[in-house]
Amino acid sequence: MRDHRGDTMEEPLALKQPTPIVSQPRQGPFRDWNDGVCDCITDCHSCAFVAFCMPCYMCYLYYRYNECALAPLINPFSVTTLRSFHRGRERIRVSDISDSTI
């Protein structure tokens, strides 16, 4: 822009807007659950933690997912809630019905 004397002027701040981002980051495709019932051997620490203190382990997992660590002590369906949250976060394709039949 030029003022009345012909000198260039800086554009008003209202015209200097950032360009919007029009594309979203892509997420990978859903994957199948790949742990078996006896795959606990690969993570003995977690397996022992679950075997000897399941409520403490649930509190630890909620804390790890940045949720309220006391939620498992209040919510009777905390295991189901955590499974659904984990499947969504890790993009695992398993329905709630097939998960409950194992």
PDB file of N, CA and C in Angstrom:
ATOM      1  N   MET A   1       0.833  -1.172   0.000  1.00  0.00           N
ATOM      2  CA  MET A   1       0.000   0.000   0.000  1.00  0.00           C
ATOM      3  C   MET A   1       0.883   1.242   0.000  1.00  0.00           C
ATOM      4  N   ARG A   2       0.348   2.295  -0.544  1.00  0.00           N
ATOM      5  CA  ARG A   2       1.080   3.567  -0.571  1.00  0.00           C
ATOM      6  C   ARG A   2       0.226   4.630   0.107  1.00  0.00           C
ATOM      7  N   ASP A   3       0.905   5.523   0.822  1.00  0.00           N
ATOM      8  CA  ASP A   3       0.164   6.615   1.448  1.00  0.00           C
ATOM      9  C   ASP A   3      -0.028   7.751   0.443  1.00  0.00           C
ATOM     10  N   HIS A   4      -0.588   8.855   0.887  1.00  0.00           N
ATOM     11  CA  HIS A   4      -0.892   9.964  -0.023  1.00  0.00           C
ATOM     12  C   HIS A   4       0.364  10.593  -0.630  1.00  0.00           C
ATOM     13  N   ARG A   5       1.551  10.365  -0.051  1.00  0.00           N
ATOM     14  CA  ARG A   5       2.795  10.907  -0.616  1.00  0.00           C
ATOM     15  C   ARG A   5       3.460   9.920  -1.575  1.00  0.00           C
ATOM     16  N   GLY A   6       2.936   8.714  -1.687  1.00  0.00           N
ATOM     17  CA  GLY A   6       3.530   7.737  -2.582  1.00  0.00           C
ATOM     18  C   GLY A   6       4.501   6.798  -1.894  1.00  0.00           C
ATOM     19  N   ASP A   7       4.738   7.004  -0.579  1.00  0.00           N
ATOM     20  CA  ASP A   7       5.620   6.096   0.152  1.00  0.00           C
ATOM     21  C   ASP A   7       4.876   4.788   0.441  1.00  0.00           C
ATOM     22  N   THR A   8       5.643   3.701   0.477  1.00  0.00           N
ATOM     23  CA  THR A   8       4.999   2.415   0.784  1.00  0.00           C
ATOM     24  C   THR A   8       4.711   2.340   2.271  1.00  0.00           C
ATOM     25  N   MET A   9       3.555   1.790   2.576  1.00  0.00           N
ATOM     26  CA  MET A   9       3.145   1.611   3.967  1.00  0.00           C
ATOM     27  C   MET A   9       3.058   0.117   4.256  1.00  0.00           C
ATOM     28  N   GLU A  10       3.241  -0.213   5.483  1.00  0.00           N
ATOM     29  CA  GLU A  10       3.091  -1.600   5.893  1.00  0.00           C
ATOM     30  C   GLU A  10       1.605  -1.944   5.900  1.00  0.00           C
ATOM     31  N   GLU A  11       1.278  -3.192   5.542  1.00  0.00           N
ATOM     32  CA  GLU A  11      -0.124  -3.613   5.522  1.00  0.00           C
ATOM     33  C   GLU A  11      -0.682  -3.613   6.936  1.00  0.00           C
ATOM     34  N   PRO A  12      -1.966  -3.290   7.064  1.00  0.00           N
ATOM     35  CA  PRO A  12      -2.582  -3.361   8.390  1.00  0.00           C
ATOM     36  C   PRO A  12      -2.535  -4.796   8.926  1.00  0.00           C
ATOM     37  N   LEU A  13      -2.491  -4.932  10.234  1.00  0.00           N
ATOM     38  CA  LEU A  13      -2.402  -6.254  10.845  1.00  0.00           C
ATOM     39  C   LEU A  13      -3.582  -7.147  10.497  1.00  0.00           C
ATOM     40  N   ALA A  14      -4.736  -6.558  10.266  1.00  0.00           N
ATOM     41  CA  ALA A  14      -5.916  -7.357   9.952  1.00  0.00           C
ATOM     42  C   ALA A  14      -5.752  -8.114   8.644  1.00  0.00           C
ATOM     43  N   LEU A  15      -4.915  -7.650   7.741  1.00  0.00           N
ATOM     44  CA  LEU A  15      -4.717  -8.327   6.465  1.00  0.00           C
ATOM     45  C   LEU A  15      -3.643  -9.409   6.536  1.00  0.00           C
ATOM     46  N   LYS A  16      -2.844  -9.411   7.580  1.00  0.00           N
ATOM     47  CA  LYS A  16      -1.777 -10.403   7.716  1.00  0.00           C
ATOM     48  C   LYS A  16      -2.277 -11.584   8.549  1.00  0.00           C
ATOM     49  N   GLN A  17      -3.044 -12.442   7.958  1.00  0.00           N
ATOM     50  CA  GLN A  17      -3.569 -13.614   8.638  1.00  0.00           C
ATOM     51  C   GLN A  17      -2.796 -14.849   8.189  1.00  0.00           C
ATOM     52  N   PRO A  18      -2.578 -15.798   9.085  1.00  0.00           N
ATOM     53  CA  PRO A  18      -1.883 -17.022   8.678  1.00  0.00           C
ATOM     54  C   PRO A  18      -2.751 -17.844   7.733  1.00  0.00           C
ATOM     55  N   THR A  19      -2.100 -18.568   6.869  1.00  0.00           N
ATOM     56  CA  THR A  19      -2.811 -19.437   5.936  1.00  0.00           C
ATOM     57  C   THR A  19      -3.317 -20.662   6.692  1.00  0.00           C
ATOM     58  N   PRO A  20      -4.598 -21.002   6.572  1.00  0.00           N
ATOM     59  CA  PRO A  20      -5.116 -22.170   7.292  1.00  0.00           C
ATOM     60  C   PRO A  20      -4.562 -23.470   6.710  1.00  0.00           C
ATOM     61  N   ILE A  21      -4.409 -24.443   7.571  1.00  0.00           N
ATOM     62  CA  ILE A  21      -3.963 -25.767   7.135  1.00  0.00           C
ATOM     63  C   ILE A  21      -5.190 -26.516   6.635  1.00  0.00           C
ATOM     64  N   VAL A  22      -5.117 -27.021   5.423  1.00  0.00           N
ATOM     65  CA  VAL A  22      -6.290 -27.665   4.837  1.00  0.00           C
ATOM     66  C   VAL A  22      -6.208 -29.187   4.874  1.00  0.00           C
ATOM     67  N   SER A  23      -5.077 -29.751   5.234  1.00  0.00           N
ATOM     68  CA  SER A  23      -4.987 -31.211   5.288  1.00  0.00           C
ATOM     69  C   SER A  23      -4.746 -31.658   6.723  1.00  0.00           C
ATOM     70  N   GLN A  24      -5.319 -32.765   7.071  1.00  0.00           N
ATOM     71  CA  GLN A  24      -5.154 -33.346   8.395  1.00  0.00           C
ATOM     72  C   GLN A  24      -4.071 -34.416   8.339  1.00  0.00           C
ATOM     73  N   PRO A  25      -3.340 -34.618   9.435  1.00  0.00           N
ATOM     74  CA  PRO A  25      -2.351 -35.696   9.425  1.00  0.00           C
ATOM     75  C   PRO A  25      -3.042 -37.048   9.267  1.00  0.00           C
ATOM     76  N   ARG A  26      -2.433 -37.913   8.512  1.00  0.00           N
ATOM     77  CA  ARG A  26      -3.031 -39.222   8.264  1.00  0.00           C
ATOM     78  C   ARG A  26      -2.733 -40.169   9.410  1.00  0.00           C
ATOM     79  N   GLN A  27      -3.724 -40.960   9.734  1.00  0.00           N
ATOM     80  CA  GLN A  27      -3.533 -42.013  10.719  1.00  0.00           C
ATOM     81  C   GLN A  27      -3.356 -43.317   9.970  1.00  0.00           C
ATOM     82  N   GLY A  28      -2.622 -44.211  10.576  1.00  0.00           N
ATOM     83  CA  GLY A  28      -2.422 -45.510   9.954  1.00  0.00           C
ATOM     84  C   GLY A  28      -3.705 -46.317   9.970  1.00  0.00           C
ATOM     85  N   PRO A  29      -3.740 -47.399   9.217  1.00  0.00           N
ATOM     86  CA  PRO A  29      -4.941 -48.233   9.192  1.00  0.00           C
ATOM     87  C   PRO A  29      -5.098 -48.993  10.510  1.00  0.00           C
ATOM     88  N   PHE A  30      -6.299 -49.475  10.738  1.00  0.00           N
ATOM     89  CA  PHE A  30      -6.525 -50.302  11.913  1.00  0.00           C
ATOM     90  C   PHE A  30      -5.752 -51.601  11.761  1.00  0.00           C
ATOM     91  N   ARG A  31      -5.315 -52.144  12.882  1.00  0.00           N
ATOM     92  CA  ARG A  31      -4.587 -53.409  12.861  1.00  0.00           C
ATOM     93  C   ARG A  31      -5.300 -54.405  13.759  1.00  0.00           C
ATOM     94  N   ASP A  32      -4.981 -55.673  13.576  1.00  0.00           N
ATOM     95  CA  ASP A  32      -5.581 -56.714  14.402  1.00  0.00           C
ATOM     96  C   ASP A  32      -4.822 -56.838  15.721  1.00  0.00           C
ATOM     97  N   TRP A  33      -5.527 -57.335  16.723  1.00  0.00           N
ATOM     98  CA  TRP A  33      -4.901 -57.604  18.008  1.00  0.00           C
ATOM     99  C   TRP A  33      -3.932 -58.753  17.803  1.00  0.00           C
ATOM    100  N   ASN A  34      -2.685 -58.622  18.244  1.00  0.00           N
ATOM    101  CA  ASN A  34      -1.715 -59.665  17.951  1.00  0.00           C
ATOM    102  C   ASN A  34      -1.113 -60.325  19.181  1.00  0.00           C
ATOM    103  N   ASP A  35      -1.653 -60.093  20.366  1.00  0.00           N
ATOM    104  CA  ASP A  35      -1.181 -60.767  21.571  1.00  0.00           C
ATOM    105  C   ASP A  35      -2.092 -61.938  21.876  1.00  0.00           C
ATOM    106  N   GLY A  36      -1.495 -63.048  22.231  1.00  0.00           N
ATOM    107  CA  GLY A  36      -2.273 -64.216  22.605  1.00  0.00           C
ATOM    108  C   GLY A  36      -2.557 -64.223  24.097  1.00  0.00           C
ATOM    109  N   VAL A  37      -3.291 -65.221  24.540  1.00  0.00           N
ATOM    110  CA  VAL A  37      -3.642 -65.331  25.950  1.00  0.00           C
ATOM    111  C   VAL A  37      -2.394 -65.576  26.799  1.00  0.00           C
ATOM    112  N   CYS A  38      -1.417 -66.321  26.284  1.00  0.00           N
ATOM    113  CA  CYS A  38      -0.211 -66.665  27.048  1.00  0.00           C
ATOM    114  C   CYS A  38       0.994 -65.805  26.685  1.00  0.00           C
ATOM    115  N   ASP A  39       0.810 -64.650  26.104  1.00  0.00           N
ATOM    116  CA  ASP A  39       1.930 -63.780  25.741  1.00  0.00           C
ATOM    117  C   ASP A  39       2.468 -62.981  26.924  1.00  0.00           C
ATOM    118  N   CYS A  40       2.000 -63.294  28.099  1.00  0.00           N
ATOM    119  CA  CYS A  40       2.454 -62.606  29.307  1.00  0.00           C
ATOM    120  C   CYS A  40       3.936 -62.859  29.563  1.00  0.00           C
ATOM    121  N   ILE A  41       4.479 -63.924  29.011  1.00  0.00           N
ATOM    122  CA  ILE A  41       5.872 -64.299  29.240  1.00  0.00           C
ATOM    123  C   ILE A  41       6.823 -63.219  28.730  1.00  0.00           C
ATOM    124  N   THR A  42       6.427 -62.486  27.709  1.00  0.00           N
ATOM    125  CA  THR A  42       7.308 -61.457  27.147  1.00  0.00           C
ATOM    126  C   THR A  42       7.439 -60.238  28.058  1.00  0.00           C
ATOM    127  N   ASP A  43       6.506 -60.040  28.990  1.00  0.00           N
ATOM    128  CA  ASP A  43       6.549 -58.910  29.919  1.00  0.00           C
ATOM    129  C   ASP A  43       6.249 -59.422  31.331  1.00  0.00           C
ATOM    130  N   CYS A  44       7.231 -60.078  31.938  1.00  0.00           N
ATOM    131  CA  CYS A  44       7.033 -60.717  33.244  1.00  0.00           C
ATOM    132  C   CYS A  44       6.713 -59.714  34.351  1.00  0.00           C
ATOM    133  N   HIS A  45       7.286 -58.511  34.275  1.00  0.00           N
ATOM    134  CA  HIS A  45       7.038 -57.497  35.303  1.00  0.00           C
ATOM    135  C   HIS A  45       5.555 -57.134  35.351  1.00  0.00           C
ATOM    136  N   SER A  46       4.973 -56.836  34.200  1.00  0.00           N
ATOM    137  CA  SER A  46       3.549 -56.481  34.156  1.00  0.00           C
ATOM    138  C   SER A  46       2.678 -57.670  34.524  1.00  0.00           C
ATOM    139  N   CYS A  47       3.084 -58.856  34.096  1.00  0.00           N
ATOM    140  CA  CYS A  47       2.313 -60.062  34.402  1.00  0.00           C
ATOM    141  C   CYS A  47       2.240 -60.287  35.915  1.00  0.00           C
ATOM    142  N   ALA A  48       3.366 -60.143  36.597  1.00  0.00           N
ATOM    143  CA  ALA A  48       3.380 -60.314  38.050  1.00  0.00           C
ATOM    144  C   ALA A  48       2.581 -59.209  38.732  1.00  0.00           C
ATOM    145  N   PHE A  49       2.680 -58.001  38.220  1.00  0.00           N
ATOM    146  CA  PHE A  49       1.943 -56.868  38.778  1.00  0.00           C
ATOM    147  C   PHE A  49       0.440 -57.132  38.703  1.00  0.00           C
ATOM    148  N   VAL A  50      -0.022 -57.627  37.565  1.00  0.00           N
ATOM    149  CA  VAL A  50      -1.443 -57.927  37.377  1.00  0.00           C
ATOM    150  C   VAL A  50      -1.865 -59.087  38.272  1.00  0.00           C
ATOM    151  N   ALA A  51      -1.032 -60.128  38.343  1.00  0.00           N
ATOM    152  CA  ALA A  51      -1.384 -61.320  39.117  1.00  0.00           C
ATOM    153  C   ALA A  51      -1.510 -61.028  40.609  1.00  0.00           C
ATOM    154  N   PHE A  52      -0.658 -60.164  41.141  1.00  0.00           N
ATOM    155  CA  PHE A  52      -0.642 -59.953  42.579  1.00  0.00           C
ATOM    156  C   PHE A  52      -1.377 -58.700  43.047  1.00  0.00           C
ATOM    157  N   CYS A  53      -1.586 -57.741  42.152  1.00  0.00           N
ATOM    158  CA  CYS A  53      -2.292 -56.520  42.566  1.00  0.00           C
ATOM    159  C   CYS A  53      -2.973 -55.861  41.363  1.00  0.00           C
ATOM    160  N   MET A  54      -4.038 -56.471  40.899  1.00  0.00           N
ATOM    161  CA  MET A  54      -4.763 -55.967  39.732  1.00  0.00           C
ATOM    162  C   MET A  54      -5.271 -54.532  39.930  1.00  0.00           C
ATOM    163  N   PRO A  55      -5.864 -54.178  41.086  1.00  0.00           N
ATOM    164  CA  PRO A  55      -6.322 -52.784  41.252  1.00  0.00           C
ATOM    165  C   PRO A  55      -5.181 -51.766  41.155  1.00  0.00           C
ATOM    166  N   CYS A  56      -4.014 -52.111  41.708  1.00  0.00           N
ATOM    167  CA  CYS A  56      -2.862 -51.198  41.617  1.00  0.00           C
ATOM    168  C   CYS A  56      -2.409 -51.050  40.172  1.00  0.00           C
ATOM    169  N   TYR A  57      -2.436 -52.153  39.429  1.00  0.00           N
ATOM    170  CA  TYR A  57      -2.019 -52.099  38.026  1.00  0.00           C
ATOM    171  C   TYR A  57      -2.989 -51.259  37.203  1.00  0.00           C
ATOM    172  N   MET A  58      -4.279 -51.370  37.490  1.00  0.00           N
ATOM    173  CA  MET A  58      -5.267 -50.558  36.772  1.00  0.00           C
ATOM    174  C   MET A  58      -5.034 -49.075  37.060  1.00  0.00           C
ATOM    175  N   CYS A  59      -4.744 -48.737  38.311  1.00  0.00           N
ATOM    176  CA  CYS A  59      -4.447 -47.338  38.645  1.00  0.00           C
ATOM    177  C   CYS A  59      -3.208 -46.865  37.896  1.00  0.00           C
ATOM    178  N   TYR A  60      -2.202 -47.735  37.801  1.00  0.00           N
ATOM    179  CA  TYR A  60      -0.977 -47.396  37.073  1.00  0.00           C
ATOM    180  C   TYR A  60      -1.269 -47.146  35.594  1.00  0.00           C
ATOM    181  N   LEU A  61      -2.088 -48.004  34.980  1.00  0.00           N
ATOM    182  CA  LEU A  61      -2.405 -47.825  33.559  1.00  0.00           C
ATOM    183  C   LEU A  61      -3.188 -46.543  33.313  1.00  0.00           C
ATOM    184  N   TYR A  62      -4.151 -46.243  34.162  1.00  0.00           N
ATOM    185  CA  TYR A  62      -4.891 -44.988  34.012  1.00  0.00           C
ATOM    186  C   TYR A  62      -3.948 -43.797  34.125  1.00  0.00           C
ATOM    187  N   TYR A  63      -3.014 -43.865  35.068  1.00  0.00           N
ATOM    188  CA  TYR A  63      -2.023 -42.795  35.217  1.00  0.00           C
ATOM    189  C   TYR A  63      -1.159 -42.685  33.964  1.00  0.00           C
ATOM    190  N   ARG A  64      -0.762 -43.821  33.410  1.00  0.00           N
ATOM    191  CA  ARG A  64       0.078 -43.834  32.207  1.00  0.00           C
ATOM    192  C   ARG A  64      -0.634 -43.214  31.011  1.00  0.00           C
ATOM    193  N   TYR A  65      -1.959 -43.338  30.942  1.00  0.00           N
ATOM    194  CA  TYR A  65      -2.743 -42.759  29.854  1.00  0.00           C
ATOM    195  C   TYR A  65      -3.222 -41.348  30.180  1.00  0.00           C
ATOM    196  N   ASN A  66      -2.617 -40.719  31.195  1.00  0.00           N
ATOM    197  CA  ASN A  66      -2.957 -39.348  31.606  1.00  0.00           C
ATOM    198  C   ASN A  66      -4.417 -39.202  32.009  1.00  0.00           C
ATOM    199  N   GLU A  67      -4.938 -40.219  32.645  1.00  0.00           N
ATOM    200  CA  GLU A  67      -6.288 -40.179  33.194  1.00  0.00           C
ATOM    201  C   GLU A  67      -6.175 -40.147  34.715  1.00  0.00           C
ATOM    202  N   CYS A  68      -7.279 -39.954  35.380  1.00  0.00           N
ATOM    203  CA  CYS A  68      -7.282 -39.950  36.840  1.00  0.00           C
ATOM    204  C   CYS A  68      -6.898 -41.342  37.344  1.00  0.00           C
ATOM    205  N   ALA A  69      -5.837 -41.428  38.123  1.00  0.00           N
ATOM    206  CA  ALA A  69      -5.337 -42.722  38.593  1.00  0.00           C
ATOM    207  C   ALA A  69      -6.306 -43.405  39.552  1.00  0.00           C
ATOM    208  N   LEU A  70      -7.229 -42.673  40.138  1.00  0.00           N
ATOM    209  CA  LEU A  70      -8.187 -43.267  41.065  1.00  0.00           C
ATOM    210  C   LEU A  70      -9.461 -43.741  40.375  1.00  0.00           C
ATOM    211  N   ALA A  71      -9.585 -43.511  39.088  1.00  0.00           N
ATOM    212  CA  ALA A  71     -10.794 -43.895  38.353  1.00  0.00           C
ATOM    213  C   ALA A  71     -11.124 -45.383  38.473  1.00  0.00           C
ATOM    214  N   PRO A  72     -10.138 -46.298  38.432  1.00  0.00           N
ATOM    215  CA  PRO A  72     -10.491 -47.713  38.565  1.00  0.00           C
ATOM    216  C   PRO A  72     -11.101 -48.061  39.916  1.00  0.00           C
ATOM    217  N   LEU A  73     -10.817 -47.276  40.928  1.00  0.00           N
ATOM    218  CA  LEU A  73     -11.385 -47.544  42.246  1.00  0.00           C
ATOM    219  C   LEU A  73     -12.820 -47.047  42.354  1.00  0.00           C
ATOM    220  N   ILE A  74     -13.212 -46.129  41.462  1.00  0.00           N
ATOM    221  CA  ILE A  74     -14.552 -45.543  41.478  1.00  0.00           C
ATOM    222  C   ILE A  74     -15.452 -46.176  40.427  1.00  0.00           C
ATOM    223  N   ASN A  75     -14.911 -46.426  39.250  1.00  0.00           N
ATOM    224  CA  ASN A  75     -15.672 -46.925  38.108  1.00  0.00           C
ATOM    225  C   ASN A  75     -15.671 -48.455  38.096  1.00  0.00           C
ATOM    226  N   PRO A  76     -16.829 -49.105  38.251  1.00  0.00           N
ATOM    227  CA  PRO A  76     -16.854 -50.573  38.232  1.00  0.00           C
ATOM    228  C   PRO A  76     -16.531 -51.162  36.854  1.00  0.00           C
ATOM    229  N   PHE A  77     -16.625 -50.365  35.803  1.00  0.00           N
ATOM    230  CA  PHE A  77     -16.339 -50.844  34.445  1.00  0.00           C
ATOM    231  C   PHE A  77     -14.995 -50.314  33.943  1.00  0.00           C
ATOM    232  N   SER A  78     -14.056 -50.102  34.850  1.00  0.00           N
ATOM    233  CA  SER A  78     -12.786 -49.477  34.477  1.00  0.00           C
ATOM    234  C   SER A  78     -11.970 -50.330  33.514  1.00  0.00           C
ATOM    235  N   VAL A  79     -12.053 -51.656  33.620  1.00  0.00           N
ATOM    236  CA  VAL A  79     -11.299 -52.522  32.703  1.00  0.00           C
ATOM    237  C   VAL A  79     -11.833 -52.355  31.285  1.00  0.00           C
ATOM    238  N   THR A  80     -13.145 -52.360  31.134  1.00  0.00           N
ATOM    239  CA  THR A  80     -13.758 -52.195  29.818  1.00  0.00           C
ATOM    240  C   THR A  80     -13.453 -50.811  29.250  1.00  0.00           C
ATOM    241  N   THR A  81     -13.527 -49.800  30.086  1.00  0.00           N
ATOM    242  CA  THR A  81     -13.229 -48.441  29.649  1.00  0.00           C
ATOM    243  C   THR A  81     -11.787 -48.321  29.175  1.00  0.00           C
ATOM    244  N   LEU A  82     -10.866 -48.898  29.933  1.00  0.00           N
ATOM    245  CA  LEU A  82      -9.452 -48.826  29.573  1.00  0.00           C
ATOM    246  C   LEU A  82      -9.164 -49.604  28.294  1.00  0.00           C
ATOM    247  N   ARG A  83      -9.803 -50.759  28.120  1.00  0.00           N
ATOM    248  CA  ARG A  83      -9.614 -51.528  26.882  1.00  0.00           C
ATOM    249  C   ARG A  83     -10.072 -50.736  25.669  1.00  0.00           C
ATOM    250  N   SER A  84     -11.236 -50.127  25.762  1.00  0.00           N
ATOM    251  CA  SER A  84     -11.745 -49.330  24.640  1.00  0.00           C
ATOM    252  C   SER A  84     -10.817 -48.158  24.341  1.00  0.00           C
ATOM    253  N   PHE A  85     -10.338 -47.495  25.380  1.00  0.00           N
ATOM    254  CA  PHE A  85      -9.418 -46.374  25.204  1.00  0.00           C
ATOM    255  C   PHE A  85      -8.122 -46.834  24.541  1.00  0.00           C
ATOM    256  N   HIS A  86      -7.581 -47.967  24.991  1.00  0.00           N
ATOM    257  CA  HIS A  86      -6.328 -48.494  24.436  1.00  0.00           C
ATOM    258  C   HIS A  86      -6.501 -48.909  22.977  1.00  0.00           C
ATOM    259  N   ARG A  87      -7.614 -49.570  22.665  1.00  0.00           N
ATOM    260  CA  ARG A  87      -7.852 -49.980  21.271  1.00  0.00           C
ATOM    261  C   ARG A  87      -7.957 -48.770  20.357  1.00  0.00           C
ATOM    262  N   GLY A  88      -8.609 -47.716  20.799  1.00  0.00           N
ATOM    263  CA  GLY A  88      -8.707 -46.511  19.974  1.00  0.00           C
ATOM    264  C   GLY A  88      -7.370 -45.818  19.800  1.00  0.00           C
ATOM    265  N   ARG A  89      -6.607 -45.761  20.869  1.00  0.00           N
ATOM    266  CA  ARG A  89      -5.302 -45.092  20.812  1.00  0.00           C
ATOM    267  C   ARG A  89      -4.309 -45.856  19.939  1.00  0.00           C
ATOM    268  N   GLU A  90      -4.329 -47.172  20.024  1.00  0.00           N
ATOM    269  CA  GLU A  90      -3.394 -48.002  19.259  1.00  0.00           C
ATOM    270  C   GLU A  90      -3.975 -48.473  17.927  1.00  0.00           C
ATOM    271  N   ARG A  91      -5.202 -48.034  17.612  1.00  0.00           N
ATOM    272  CA  ARG A  91      -5.877 -48.375  16.351  1.00  0.00           C
ATOM    273  C   ARG A  91      -5.978 -49.886  16.166  1.00  0.00           C
ATOM    274  N   ILE A  92      -6.499 -50.564  17.179  1.00  0.00           N
ATOM    275  CA  ILE A  92      -6.660 -52.014  17.154  1.00  0.00           C
ATOM    276  C   ILE A  92      -8.104 -52.327  16.807  1.00  0.00           C
ATOM    277  N   ARG A  93      -8.295 -53.215  15.840  1.00  0.00           N
ATOM    278  CA  ARG A  93      -9.622 -53.573  15.368  1.00  0.00           C
ATOM    279  C   ARG A  93     -10.116 -54.804  16.135  1.00  0.00           C
ATOM    280  N   VAL A  94     -10.908 -54.569  17.174  1.00  0.00           N
ATOM    281  CA  VAL A  94     -11.539 -55.633  17.949  1.00  0.00           C
ATOM    282  C   VAL A  94     -12.860 -55.069  18.448  1.00  0.00           C
ATOM    283  N   SER A  95     -13.916 -55.826  18.297  1.00  0.00           N
ATOM    284  CA  SER A  95     -15.205 -55.334  18.785  1.00  0.00           C
ATOM    285  C   SER A  95     -15.336 -55.647  20.273  1.00  0.00           C
ATOM    286  N   ASP A  96     -16.208 -54.941  20.949  1.00  0.00           N
ATOM    287  CA  ASP A  96     -16.427 -55.179  22.371  1.00  0.00           C
ATOM    288  C   ASP A  96     -16.971 -56.579  22.620  1.00  0.00           C
ATOM    289  N   ILE A  97     -17.777 -57.079  21.709  1.00  0.00           N
ATOM    290  CA  ILE A  97     -18.367 -58.406  21.876  1.00  0.00           C
ATOM    291  C   ILE A  97     -17.298 -59.487  21.760  1.00  0.00           C
ATOM    292  N   SER A  98     -16.454 -59.421  20.742  1.00  0.00           N
ATOM    293  CA  SER A  98     -15.419 -60.447  20.596  1.00  0.00           C
ATOM    294  C   SER A  98     -14.381 -60.338  21.705  1.00  0.00           C
ATOM    295  N   ASP A  99     -14.183 -59.156  22.237  1.00  0.00           N
ATOM    296  CA  ASP A  99     -13.240 -58.969  23.330  1.00  0.00           C
ATOM    297  C   ASP A  99     -13.752 -59.622  24.608  1.00  0.00           C
ATOM    298  N   SER A 100     -15.042 -59.578  24.830  1.00  0.00           N
ATOM    299  CA  SER A 100     -15.597 -60.139  26.058  1.00  0.00           C
ATOM    300  C   SER A 100     -15.728 -61.655  26.013  1.00  0.00           C
ATOM    301  N   THR A 101     -15.596 -62.267  24.850  1.00  0.00           N
ATOM    302  CA  THR A 101     -15.719 -63.724  24.757  1.00  0.00           C
ATOM    303  C   THR A 101     -14.407 -64.445  25.004  1.00  0.00           C
ATOM    304  N   ILE A 102     -13.315 -63.713  25.136  1.00  0.00           N
ATOM    305  CA  ILE A 102     -12.011 -64.361  25.365  1.00  0.00           C
ATOM    306  C   ILE A 102     -11.874 -64.758  26.803  1.00  0.00           C
TER     307      ILE A 102
END
